[in-house]
């Protein structure tokens, strides 16, 4: 899990640097890192474990039964960090996510805030990876947010709608 955390954070930083330099859109960089990371993980797991596909299946689709008490403690600590940082930086993260040019003109450190957001996203993926699986975490992160943006009238209501809409989806996939 610690290796995955380091790899995910590094990938998040690389995605943000690629996006900021304008070489590719954030979506393309994210897709390349996501699927490239899965492919690299498959190769590494097969080299280390021989041909144990059950371990690989657990990472791709989740395996809540393999979660230990230590994992739960780490998940809890990382989740707390995510909640605290997101709560403290909520307005700044919203400004950067909504309009980077306005945020830059307002004097906000756009690159630093985007990197923080990328790292928080990477940590979220790693926290949920063991329980939900790599393939399903993208659905849990994207579908509730996309649906919430269709019905919400503000950022705060979109956040609440995303939590409300994501809760049943979380129950179904886990």
N, C-alpha and C. Protein backbone atom coordinates (compact mmCIF):
# COMPACT_ATOMS: atom_id res chain seq x y z
N UNK A 1 0.82 -1.19 0.00
CA UNK A 1 0.00 0.00 0.00
C UNK A 1 0.86 1.26 0.00
N UNK A 2 1.98 1.22 0.74
CA UNK A 2 2.85 2.40 0.78
C UNK A 2 3.49 2.66 -0.58
N UNK A 3 3.85 1.60 -1.27
CA UNK A 3 4.41 1.76 -2.62
C UNK A 3 3.37 2.34 -3.55
N UNK A 4 2.14 1.85 -3.43
CA UNK A 4 1.05 2.39 -4.26
C UNK A 4 0.81 3.85 -3.95
N UNK A 5 0.91 4.23 -2.69
CA UNK A 5 0.71 5.62 -2.30
C UNK A 5 1.77 6.51 -2.94
N UNK A 6 3.02 6.09 -2.87
CA UNK A 6 4.12 6.86 -3.47
C UNK A 6 3.94 6.96 -4.98
N UNK A 7 3.63 5.82 -5.62
CA UNK A 7 3.45 5.81 -7.07
C UNK A 7 2.27 6.68 -7.49
N UNK A 8 1.18 6.63 -6.74
CA UNK A 8 0.00 7.42 -7.08
C UNK A 8 0.27 8.92 -6.92
N UNK A 9 0.96 9.28 -5.86
CA UNK A 9 1.29 10.69 -5.65
C UNK A 9 2.21 11.19 -6.76
N UNK A 10 3.23 10.41 -7.11
CA UNK A 10 4.12 10.79 -8.21
C UNK A 10 3.36 10.92 -9.52
N UNK A 11 2.46 9.98 -9.79
CA UNK A 11 1.65 10.04 -11.01
C UNK A 11 0.77 11.29 -11.01
N UNK A 12 0.18 11.62 -9.87
CA UNK A 12 -0.63 12.83 -9.77
C UNK A 12 0.16 14.08 -10.07
N UNK A 13 1.38 14.14 -9.56
CA UNK A 13 2.25 15.29 -9.84
C UNK A 13 2.62 15.35 -11.31
N UNK A 14 2.95 14.20 -11.90
CA UNK A 14 3.30 14.16 -13.34
C UNK A 14 2.11 14.59 -14.18
N UNK A 15 0.91 14.13 -13.84
CA UNK A 15 -0.29 14.53 -14.58
C UNK A 15 -0.47 16.04 -14.52
N UNK A 16 -0.29 16.61 -13.36
CA UNK A 16 -0.47 18.05 -13.21
C UNK A 16 0.60 18.82 -13.98
N UNK A 17 1.83 18.36 -13.95
CA UNK A 17 2.90 19.03 -14.70
C UNK A 17 2.64 18.96 -16.19
N UNK A 18 2.20 17.80 -16.68
CA UNK A 18 1.87 17.66 -18.11
C UNK A 18 0.73 18.60 -18.47
N UNK A 19 -0.29 18.66 -17.62
CA UNK A 19 -1.44 19.52 -17.89
C UNK A 19 -1.05 20.99 -17.87
N UNK A 20 -0.21 21.39 -16.91
CA UNK A 20 0.18 22.79 -16.79
C UNK A 20 1.05 23.25 -17.96
N UNK A 21 1.87 22.36 -18.46
CA UNK A 21 2.74 22.74 -19.58
C UNK A 21 2.00 22.77 -20.90
N UNK A 22 0.76 22.27 -20.91
CA UNK A 22 -0.05 22.35 -22.11
C UNK A 22 0.28 21.31 -23.17
N UNK A 23 1.08 20.32 -22.83
CA UNK A 23 1.44 19.28 -23.80
C UNK A 23 0.25 18.37 -24.11
N UNK A 24 -0.60 18.15 -23.13
CA UNK A 24 -1.78 17.31 -23.31
C UNK A 24 -2.83 17.78 -22.30
N UNK A 25 -4.07 17.46 -22.59
CA UNK A 25 -5.12 17.84 -21.63
C UNK A 25 -5.00 16.96 -20.40
N UNK A 26 -5.61 17.43 -19.33
CA UNK A 26 -5.59 16.67 -18.08
C UNK A 26 -6.22 15.30 -18.23
N UNK A 27 -7.27 15.21 -19.06
CA UNK A 27 -7.95 13.93 -19.27
C UNK A 27 -7.04 12.91 -19.95
N UNK A 28 -6.31 13.37 -20.95
CA UNK A 28 -5.40 12.46 -21.66
C UNK A 28 -4.27 12.02 -20.74
N UNK A 29 -3.69 12.96 -20.02
CA UNK A 29 -2.61 12.61 -19.09
C UNK A 29 -3.10 11.65 -18.01
N UNK A 30 -4.31 11.89 -17.50
CA UNK A 30 -4.88 11.01 -16.49
C UNK A 30 -5.10 9.60 -17.04
N UNK A 31 -5.66 9.50 -18.23
CA UNK A 31 -5.92 8.19 -18.83
C UNK A 31 -4.61 7.43 -19.06
N UNK A 32 -3.61 8.11 -19.57
CA UNK A 32 -2.33 7.45 -19.81
C UNK A 32 -1.72 6.97 -18.51
N UNK A 33 -1.72 7.80 -17.49
CA UNK A 33 -1.17 7.40 -16.19
C UNK A 33 -1.99 6.27 -15.56
N UNK A 34 -3.31 6.37 -15.65
CA UNK A 34 -4.17 5.37 -15.03
C UNK A 34 -3.97 4.00 -15.65
N UNK A 35 -4.11 3.93 -16.97
CA UNK A 35 -3.99 2.63 -17.62
C UNK A 35 -2.54 2.17 -17.70
N UNK A 36 -1.62 3.10 -17.82
CA UNK A 36 -0.20 2.74 -17.76
C UNK A 36 0.17 2.20 -16.39
N UNK A 37 -0.40 2.80 -15.35
CA UNK A 37 -0.15 2.32 -13.99
C UNK A 37 -0.72 0.93 -13.75
N UNK A 38 -1.92 0.69 -14.28
CA UNK A 38 -2.50 -0.65 -14.15
C UNK A 38 -1.64 -1.67 -14.87
N UNK A 39 -1.21 -1.35 -16.09
CA UNK A 39 -0.37 -2.27 -16.85
C UNK A 39 0.95 -2.53 -16.13
N UNK A 40 1.57 -1.47 -15.62
CA UNK A 40 2.83 -1.66 -14.89
C UNK A 40 2.61 -2.49 -13.63
N UNK A 41 1.50 -2.26 -12.95
CA UNK A 41 1.19 -3.05 -11.76
C UNK A 41 1.01 -4.52 -12.07
N UNK A 42 0.34 -4.83 -13.18
CA UNK A 42 0.16 -6.22 -13.59
C UNK A 42 1.50 -6.88 -13.84
N UNK A 43 2.38 -6.18 -14.55
CA UNK A 43 3.71 -6.73 -14.84
C UNK A 43 4.49 -6.95 -13.54
N UNK A 44 4.47 -5.97 -12.66
CA UNK A 44 5.23 -6.07 -11.41
C UNK A 44 4.69 -7.20 -10.53
N UNK A 45 3.37 -7.28 -10.40
CA UNK A 45 2.78 -8.35 -9.57
C UNK A 45 3.11 -9.72 -10.15
N UNK A 46 3.04 -9.87 -11.47
CA UNK A 46 3.38 -11.16 -12.08
C UNK A 46 4.85 -11.51 -11.90
N UNK A 47 5.73 -10.53 -11.92
CA UNK A 47 7.16 -10.79 -11.71
C UNK A 47 7.45 -11.18 -10.27
N UNK A 48 6.78 -10.52 -9.34
CA UNK A 48 7.03 -10.77 -7.92
C UNK A 48 6.35 -12.06 -7.46
N UNK A 49 5.07 -12.20 -7.80
CA UNK A 49 4.28 -13.33 -7.29
C UNK A 49 4.25 -14.52 -8.24
N UNK A 50 4.97 -14.51 -9.30
CA UNK A 50 4.86 -15.60 -10.28
C UNK A 50 3.62 -15.37 -11.11
N UNK A 51 2.63 -16.23 -10.97
CA UNK A 51 1.40 -16.07 -11.76
C UNK A 51 0.16 -16.11 -10.87
N UNK A 52 0.24 -15.52 -9.71
CA UNK A 52 -0.90 -15.50 -8.79
C UNK A 52 -1.88 -14.42 -9.21
N UNK A 53 -2.89 -14.81 -9.96
CA UNK A 53 -3.86 -13.83 -10.44
C UNK A 53 -4.87 -13.44 -9.38
N UNK A 54 -4.99 -14.23 -8.31
CA UNK A 54 -5.96 -13.87 -7.27
C UNK A 54 -5.56 -12.56 -6.59
N UNK A 55 -4.27 -12.36 -6.38
CA UNK A 55 -3.79 -11.11 -5.79
C UNK A 55 -4.09 -9.94 -6.73
N UNK A 56 -3.88 -10.15 -8.01
CA UNK A 56 -4.14 -9.12 -9.01
C UNK A 56 -5.63 -8.80 -9.07
N UNK A 57 -6.46 -9.81 -9.02
CA UNK A 57 -7.90 -9.61 -9.05
C UNK A 57 -8.35 -8.78 -7.86
N UNK A 58 -7.74 -9.02 -6.70
CA UNK A 58 -8.08 -8.24 -5.51
C UNK A 58 -7.79 -6.77 -5.69
N UNK A 59 -6.70 -6.43 -6.35
CA UNK A 59 -6.38 -5.02 -6.57
C UNK A 59 -7.27 -4.40 -7.65
N UNK A 60 -7.61 -5.16 -8.67
CA UNK A 60 -8.44 -4.61 -9.75
C UNK A 60 -9.89 -4.45 -9.33
N UNK A 61 -10.43 -5.42 -8.57
CA UNK A 61 -11.85 -5.40 -8.22
C UNK A 61 -12.12 -5.22 -6.74
N UNK A 62 -11.07 -5.14 -5.93
CA UNK A 62 -11.23 -4.94 -4.50
C UNK A 62 -11.36 -6.26 -3.76
N UNK A 63 -10.90 -6.25 -2.53
CA UNK A 63 -10.99 -7.44 -1.67
C UNK A 63 -11.07 -6.97 -0.23
N UNK A 64 -12.26 -6.67 0.21
CA UNK A 64 -12.43 -6.14 1.56
C UNK A 64 -12.01 -7.13 2.63
N UNK A 65 -12.06 -8.42 2.33
CA UNK A 65 -11.71 -9.44 3.32
C UNK A 65 -10.21 -9.50 3.61
N UNK A 66 -9.40 -8.93 2.74
CA UNK A 66 -7.95 -8.94 2.96
C UNK A 66 -7.46 -7.70 3.70
N UNK A 67 -8.38 -6.82 4.07
CA UNK A 67 -8.02 -5.58 4.76
C UNK A 67 -7.72 -5.89 6.23
N UNK A 68 -6.52 -5.49 6.66
CA UNK A 68 -6.10 -5.75 8.04
C UNK A 68 -6.41 -4.55 8.94
N UNK A 69 -6.19 -4.74 10.24
CA UNK A 69 -6.38 -3.63 11.19
C UNK A 69 -5.40 -2.50 10.90
N UNK A 70 -4.18 -2.85 10.52
CA UNK A 70 -3.19 -1.82 10.17
C UNK A 70 -3.65 -1.03 8.96
N UNK A 71 -4.20 -1.73 7.96
CA UNK A 71 -4.73 -1.05 6.78
C UNK A 71 -5.84 -0.08 7.18
N UNK A 72 -6.72 -0.51 8.06
CA UNK A 72 -7.82 0.36 8.50
C UNK A 72 -7.30 1.59 9.22
N UNK A 73 -6.25 1.43 10.02
CA UNK A 73 -5.66 2.58 10.72
C UNK A 73 -5.06 3.56 9.72
N UNK A 74 -4.36 3.02 8.72
CA UNK A 74 -3.76 3.89 7.69
C UNK A 74 -4.87 4.56 6.88
N UNK A 75 -5.91 3.80 6.51
CA UNK A 75 -7.04 4.37 5.77
C UNK A 75 -7.68 5.50 6.56
N UNK A 76 -7.89 5.27 7.85
CA UNK A 76 -8.50 6.29 8.70
C UNK A 76 -7.65 7.55 8.78
N UNK A 77 -6.34 7.36 8.96
CA UNK A 77 -5.44 8.52 9.05
C UNK A 77 -5.41 9.29 7.73
N UNK A 78 -5.29 8.58 6.62
CA UNK A 78 -5.26 9.25 5.31
C UNK A 78 -6.59 9.93 5.02
N UNK A 79 -7.69 9.29 5.37
CA UNK A 79 -9.01 9.89 5.16
C UNK A 79 -9.16 11.17 5.98
N UNK A 80 -8.66 11.15 7.20
CA UNK A 80 -8.71 12.34 8.05
C UNK A 80 -7.89 13.47 7.44
N UNK A 81 -6.71 13.15 6.93
CA UNK A 81 -5.87 14.16 6.28
C UNK A 81 -6.60 14.75 5.07
N UNK A 82 -7.21 13.89 4.27
CA UNK A 82 -7.94 14.36 3.08
C UNK A 82 -9.08 15.30 3.50
N UNK A 83 -9.84 14.92 4.50
CA UNK A 83 -10.97 15.75 4.95
C UNK A 83 -10.49 17.08 5.50
N UNK A 84 -9.45 17.07 6.31
CA UNK A 84 -8.95 18.30 6.92
C UNK A 84 -8.39 19.24 5.85
N UNK A 85 -7.55 18.72 4.98
CA UNK A 85 -6.94 19.58 3.94
C UNK A 85 -8.01 20.13 3.01
N UNK A 86 -8.96 19.29 2.62
CA UNK A 86 -10.03 19.74 1.73
C UNK A 86 -10.90 20.80 2.42
N UNK A 87 -11.18 20.62 3.68
CA UNK A 87 -12.00 21.59 4.42
C UNK A 87 -11.27 22.92 4.58
N UNK A 88 -9.99 22.86 4.94
CA UNK A 88 -9.21 24.08 5.15
C UNK A 88 -9.02 24.85 3.84
N UNK A 89 -8.75 24.14 2.76
CA UNK A 89 -8.46 24.78 1.48
C UNK A 89 -9.66 24.83 0.53
N UNK A 90 -10.83 24.57 1.03
CA UNK A 90 -12.02 24.44 0.18
C UNK A 90 -12.22 25.60 -0.77
N UNK A 91 -12.18 26.82 -0.28
CA UNK A 91 -12.44 27.98 -1.14
C UNK A 91 -11.33 28.17 -2.17
N UNK A 92 -10.09 27.95 -1.76
CA UNK A 92 -8.97 28.10 -2.70
C UNK A 92 -9.02 27.01 -3.78
N UNK A 93 -9.30 25.76 -3.36
CA UNK A 93 -9.40 24.67 -4.33
C UNK A 93 -10.55 24.91 -5.30
N UNK A 94 -11.66 25.44 -4.79
CA UNK A 94 -12.79 25.77 -5.66
C UNK A 94 -12.40 26.84 -6.67
N UNK A 95 -11.70 27.87 -6.22
CA UNK A 95 -11.29 28.95 -7.12
C UNK A 95 -10.39 28.43 -8.23
N UNK A 96 -9.45 27.58 -7.87
CA UNK A 96 -8.52 27.04 -8.87
C UNK A 96 -9.23 26.08 -9.82
N UNK A 97 -10.11 25.24 -9.28
CA UNK A 97 -10.82 24.27 -10.12
C UNK A 97 -11.83 24.97 -11.03
N UNK A 98 -12.42 26.06 -10.55
CA UNK A 98 -13.43 26.75 -11.33
C UNK A 98 -12.86 27.63 -12.43
N UNK A 99 -11.83 28.41 -12.12
CA UNK A 99 -11.26 29.34 -13.09
C UNK A 99 -9.82 29.64 -12.71
N UNK A 100 -8.89 28.98 -13.36
CA UNK A 100 -7.48 29.15 -13.02
C UNK A 100 -6.99 30.57 -13.28
N UNK A 101 -7.46 31.18 -14.33
CA UNK A 101 -7.01 32.55 -14.65
C UNK A 101 -7.45 33.53 -13.56
N UNK A 102 -8.68 33.40 -13.10
CA UNK A 102 -9.16 34.25 -12.00
C UNK A 102 -8.35 34.00 -10.74
N UNK A 103 -8.10 32.72 -10.45
CA UNK A 103 -7.32 32.37 -9.25
C UNK A 103 -5.91 32.96 -9.34
N UNK A 104 -5.31 32.87 -10.51
CA UNK A 104 -3.96 33.42 -10.71
C UNK A 104 -3.99 34.95 -10.56
N UNK A 105 -5.00 35.59 -11.12
CA UNK A 105 -5.13 37.04 -11.01
C UNK A 105 -5.39 37.47 -9.57
N UNK A 106 -6.02 36.60 -8.79
CA UNK A 106 -6.30 36.90 -7.38
C UNK A 106 -5.09 36.67 -6.49
N UNK A 107 -4.01 36.17 -7.08
CA UNK A 107 -2.79 35.96 -6.31
C UNK A 107 -2.68 34.60 -5.64
N UNK A 108 -3.55 33.68 -6.01
CA UNK A 108 -3.48 32.34 -5.42
C UNK A 108 -2.35 31.54 -6.08
N UNK A 109 -1.69 30.69 -5.31
CA UNK A 109 -0.63 29.85 -5.87
C UNK A 109 -1.25 28.67 -6.64
N UNK A 110 -1.59 28.89 -7.90
CA UNK A 110 -2.35 27.94 -8.70
C UNK A 110 -1.63 26.60 -8.82
N UNK A 111 -0.35 26.61 -9.15
CA UNK A 111 0.38 25.36 -9.31
C UNK A 111 0.38 24.56 -8.01
N UNK A 112 0.67 25.21 -6.91
CA UNK A 112 0.70 24.51 -5.62
C UNK A 112 -0.67 23.94 -5.27
N UNK A 113 -1.73 24.69 -5.49
CA UNK A 113 -3.08 24.19 -5.18
C UNK A 113 -3.47 23.04 -6.11
N UNK A 114 -3.10 23.13 -7.38
CA UNK A 114 -3.38 22.03 -8.30
C UNK A 114 -2.60 20.78 -7.90
N UNK A 115 -1.37 20.96 -7.46
CA UNK A 115 -0.59 19.81 -7.00
C UNK A 115 -1.20 19.19 -5.73
N UNK A 116 -1.66 20.04 -4.83
CA UNK A 116 -2.33 19.53 -3.62
C UNK A 116 -3.57 18.73 -4.01
N UNK A 117 -4.35 19.25 -4.94
CA UNK A 117 -5.54 18.54 -5.40
C UNK A 117 -5.18 17.21 -6.06
N UNK A 118 -4.12 17.19 -6.86
CA UNK A 118 -3.68 15.95 -7.50
C UNK A 118 -3.22 14.93 -6.47
N UNK A 119 -2.49 15.39 -5.47
CA UNK A 119 -2.01 14.49 -4.41
C UNK A 119 -3.19 13.96 -3.59
N UNK A 120 -4.16 14.82 -3.24
CA UNK A 120 -5.33 14.37 -2.51
C UNK A 120 -6.13 13.33 -3.30
N UNK A 121 -6.23 13.54 -4.59
CA UNK A 121 -6.93 12.56 -5.44
C UNK A 121 -6.18 11.24 -5.46
N UNK A 122 -4.85 11.30 -5.59
CA UNK A 122 -4.05 10.08 -5.58
C UNK A 122 -4.18 9.32 -4.27
N UNK A 123 -4.17 10.05 -3.18
CA UNK A 123 -4.32 9.42 -1.86
C UNK A 123 -5.71 8.78 -1.73
N UNK A 124 -6.73 9.45 -2.24
CA UNK A 124 -8.08 8.90 -2.22
C UNK A 124 -8.16 7.59 -2.99
N UNK A 125 -7.52 7.55 -4.14
CA UNK A 125 -7.51 6.32 -4.95
C UNK A 125 -6.83 5.19 -4.19
N UNK A 126 -5.70 5.48 -3.56
CA UNK A 126 -4.97 4.44 -2.83
C UNK A 126 -5.77 3.95 -1.63
N UNK A 127 -6.43 4.87 -0.93
CA UNK A 127 -7.23 4.48 0.23
C UNK A 127 -8.37 3.54 -0.20
N UNK A 128 -9.02 3.84 -1.30
CA UNK A 128 -10.17 3.05 -1.75
C UNK A 128 -9.77 1.82 -2.56
N UNK A 129 -8.55 1.78 -3.05
CA UNK A 129 -8.11 0.72 -3.96
C UNK A 129 -8.28 -0.67 -3.37
N UNK A 130 -7.88 -0.88 -2.13
CA UNK A 130 -7.94 -2.22 -1.53
C UNK A 130 -9.36 -2.71 -1.33
N UNK A 131 -10.27 -1.80 -1.02
CA UNK A 131 -11.64 -2.19 -0.73
C UNK A 131 -12.49 -2.24 -2.00
N UNK A 132 -12.41 -1.22 -2.82
CA UNK A 132 -13.28 -1.09 -3.98
C UNK A 132 -12.63 -1.63 -5.25
N UNK A 133 -11.32 -1.48 -5.38
CA UNK A 133 -10.62 -1.92 -6.58
C UNK A 133 -10.32 -0.77 -7.51
N UNK A 134 -9.24 -0.91 -8.25
CA UNK A 134 -8.80 0.15 -9.16
C UNK A 134 -9.82 0.45 -10.26
N UNK A 135 -10.45 -0.57 -10.78
CA UNK A 135 -11.38 -0.36 -11.89
C UNK A 135 -12.66 0.34 -11.46
N UNK A 136 -13.08 0.13 -10.23
CA UNK A 136 -14.34 0.71 -9.78
C UNK A 136 -14.15 2.07 -9.11
N UNK A 137 -12.94 2.38 -8.68
CA UNK A 137 -12.73 3.66 -8.00
C UNK A 137 -12.99 4.83 -8.94
N UNK A 138 -12.67 4.67 -10.22
CA UNK A 138 -12.94 5.77 -11.16
C UNK A 138 -14.43 6.04 -11.26
N UNK A 139 -15.25 4.98 -11.25
CA UNK A 139 -16.69 5.17 -11.30
C UNK A 139 -17.18 5.89 -10.04
N UNK A 140 -16.62 5.53 -8.90
CA UNK A 140 -17.03 6.17 -7.65
C UNK A 140 -16.60 7.63 -7.57
N UNK A 141 -15.53 7.97 -8.25
CA UNK A 141 -15.05 9.35 -8.19
C UNK A 141 -15.70 10.23 -9.26
N UNK A 142 -16.13 9.66 -10.37
CA UNK A 142 -16.59 10.46 -11.49
C UNK A 142 -18.11 10.53 -11.57
N UNK A 143 -18.80 9.40 -11.50
CA UNK A 143 -20.24 9.37 -11.75
C UNK A 143 -21.04 10.23 -10.76
N UNK A 144 -20.82 10.11 -9.45
CA UNK A 144 -21.60 10.99 -8.54
C UNK A 144 -21.33 12.48 -8.77
N UNK A 145 -20.08 12.83 -9.07
CA UNK A 145 -19.76 14.24 -9.32
C UNK A 145 -20.40 14.75 -10.60
N UNK A 146 -20.34 13.94 -11.65
CA UNK A 146 -20.95 14.35 -12.91
C UNK A 146 -22.47 14.50 -12.76
N UNK A 147 -23.10 13.58 -12.06
CA UNK A 147 -24.54 13.66 -11.85
C UNK A 147 -24.89 14.86 -10.98
N UNK A 148 -24.10 15.11 -9.94
CA UNK A 148 -24.37 16.23 -9.03
C UNK A 148 -24.26 17.56 -9.75
N UNK A 149 -23.35 17.69 -10.67
CA UNK A 149 -23.20 18.94 -11.41
C UNK A 149 -24.41 19.23 -12.29
N UNK A 150 -25.17 18.19 -12.64
CA UNK A 150 -26.34 18.38 -13.47
C UNK A 150 -27.53 18.93 -12.68
N UNK A 151 -27.59 18.65 -11.38
CA UNK A 151 -28.74 19.06 -10.58
C UNK A 151 -28.44 20.18 -9.59
N UNK A 152 -27.17 20.44 -9.31
CA UNK A 152 -26.80 21.42 -8.30
C UNK A 152 -26.74 22.83 -8.88
N UNK A 153 -26.92 23.79 -7.98
CA UNK A 153 -26.85 25.20 -8.38
C UNK A 153 -25.63 25.91 -7.79
N UNK A 154 -24.91 25.23 -6.90
CA UNK A 154 -23.72 25.82 -6.29
C UNK A 154 -22.70 24.73 -6.03
N UNK A 155 -21.49 25.15 -5.72
CA UNK A 155 -20.43 24.18 -5.42
C UNK A 155 -20.77 23.37 -4.17
N UNK A 156 -21.27 24.04 -3.15
CA UNK A 156 -21.61 23.35 -1.90
C UNK A 156 -22.73 22.34 -2.13
N UNK A 157 -23.75 22.73 -2.87
CA UNK A 157 -24.84 21.77 -3.12
C UNK A 157 -24.36 20.64 -4.02
N UNK A 158 -23.44 20.91 -4.94
CA UNK A 158 -22.89 19.84 -5.78
C UNK A 158 -22.12 18.84 -4.93
N UNK A 159 -21.40 19.35 -3.94
CA UNK A 159 -20.67 18.45 -3.04
C UNK A 159 -21.64 17.57 -2.27
N UNK A 160 -22.68 18.15 -1.74
CA UNK A 160 -23.67 17.38 -0.98
C UNK A 160 -24.40 16.38 -1.87
N UNK A 161 -24.76 16.81 -3.08
CA UNK A 161 -25.41 15.90 -4.03
C UNK A 161 -24.47 14.74 -4.39
N UNK A 162 -23.20 15.02 -4.60
CA UNK A 162 -22.25 13.96 -4.95
C UNK A 162 -22.15 12.93 -3.84
N UNK A 163 -22.10 13.39 -2.60
CA UNK A 163 -22.06 12.46 -1.47
C UNK A 163 -23.35 11.65 -1.42
N UNK A 164 -24.49 12.32 -1.57
CA UNK A 164 -25.78 11.65 -1.54
C UNK A 164 -25.91 10.62 -2.67
N UNK A 165 -25.51 11.00 -3.87
CA UNK A 165 -25.62 10.08 -5.02
C UNK A 165 -24.57 8.98 -4.98
N UNK A 166 -23.42 9.26 -4.40
CA UNK A 166 -22.34 8.27 -4.35
C UNK A 166 -22.52 7.22 -3.28
N UNK A 167 -23.29 7.52 -2.25
CA UNK A 167 -23.46 6.57 -1.16
C UNK A 167 -24.07 5.24 -1.63
N UNK A 168 -25.19 5.24 -2.37
CA UNK A 168 -25.72 3.95 -2.84
C UNK A 168 -24.78 3.25 -3.82
N UNK A 169 -24.10 4.02 -4.65
CA UNK A 169 -23.15 3.43 -5.60
C UNK A 169 -22.02 2.73 -4.86
N UNK A 170 -21.56 3.32 -3.77
CA UNK A 170 -20.51 2.71 -2.97
C UNK A 170 -20.98 1.38 -2.41
N UNK A 171 -22.21 1.34 -1.96
CA UNK A 171 -22.76 0.12 -1.38
C UNK A 171 -22.89 -0.98 -2.43
N UNK A 172 -23.24 -0.61 -3.65
CA UNK A 172 -23.41 -1.60 -4.72
C UNK A 172 -22.09 -2.22 -5.12
N UNK A 173 -21.05 -1.39 -5.31
CA UNK A 173 -19.78 -1.92 -5.81
C UNK A 173 -18.97 -2.62 -4.75
N UNK A 174 -19.18 -2.31 -3.48
CA UNK A 174 -18.42 -3.01 -2.45
C UNK A 174 -19.24 -4.14 -1.91
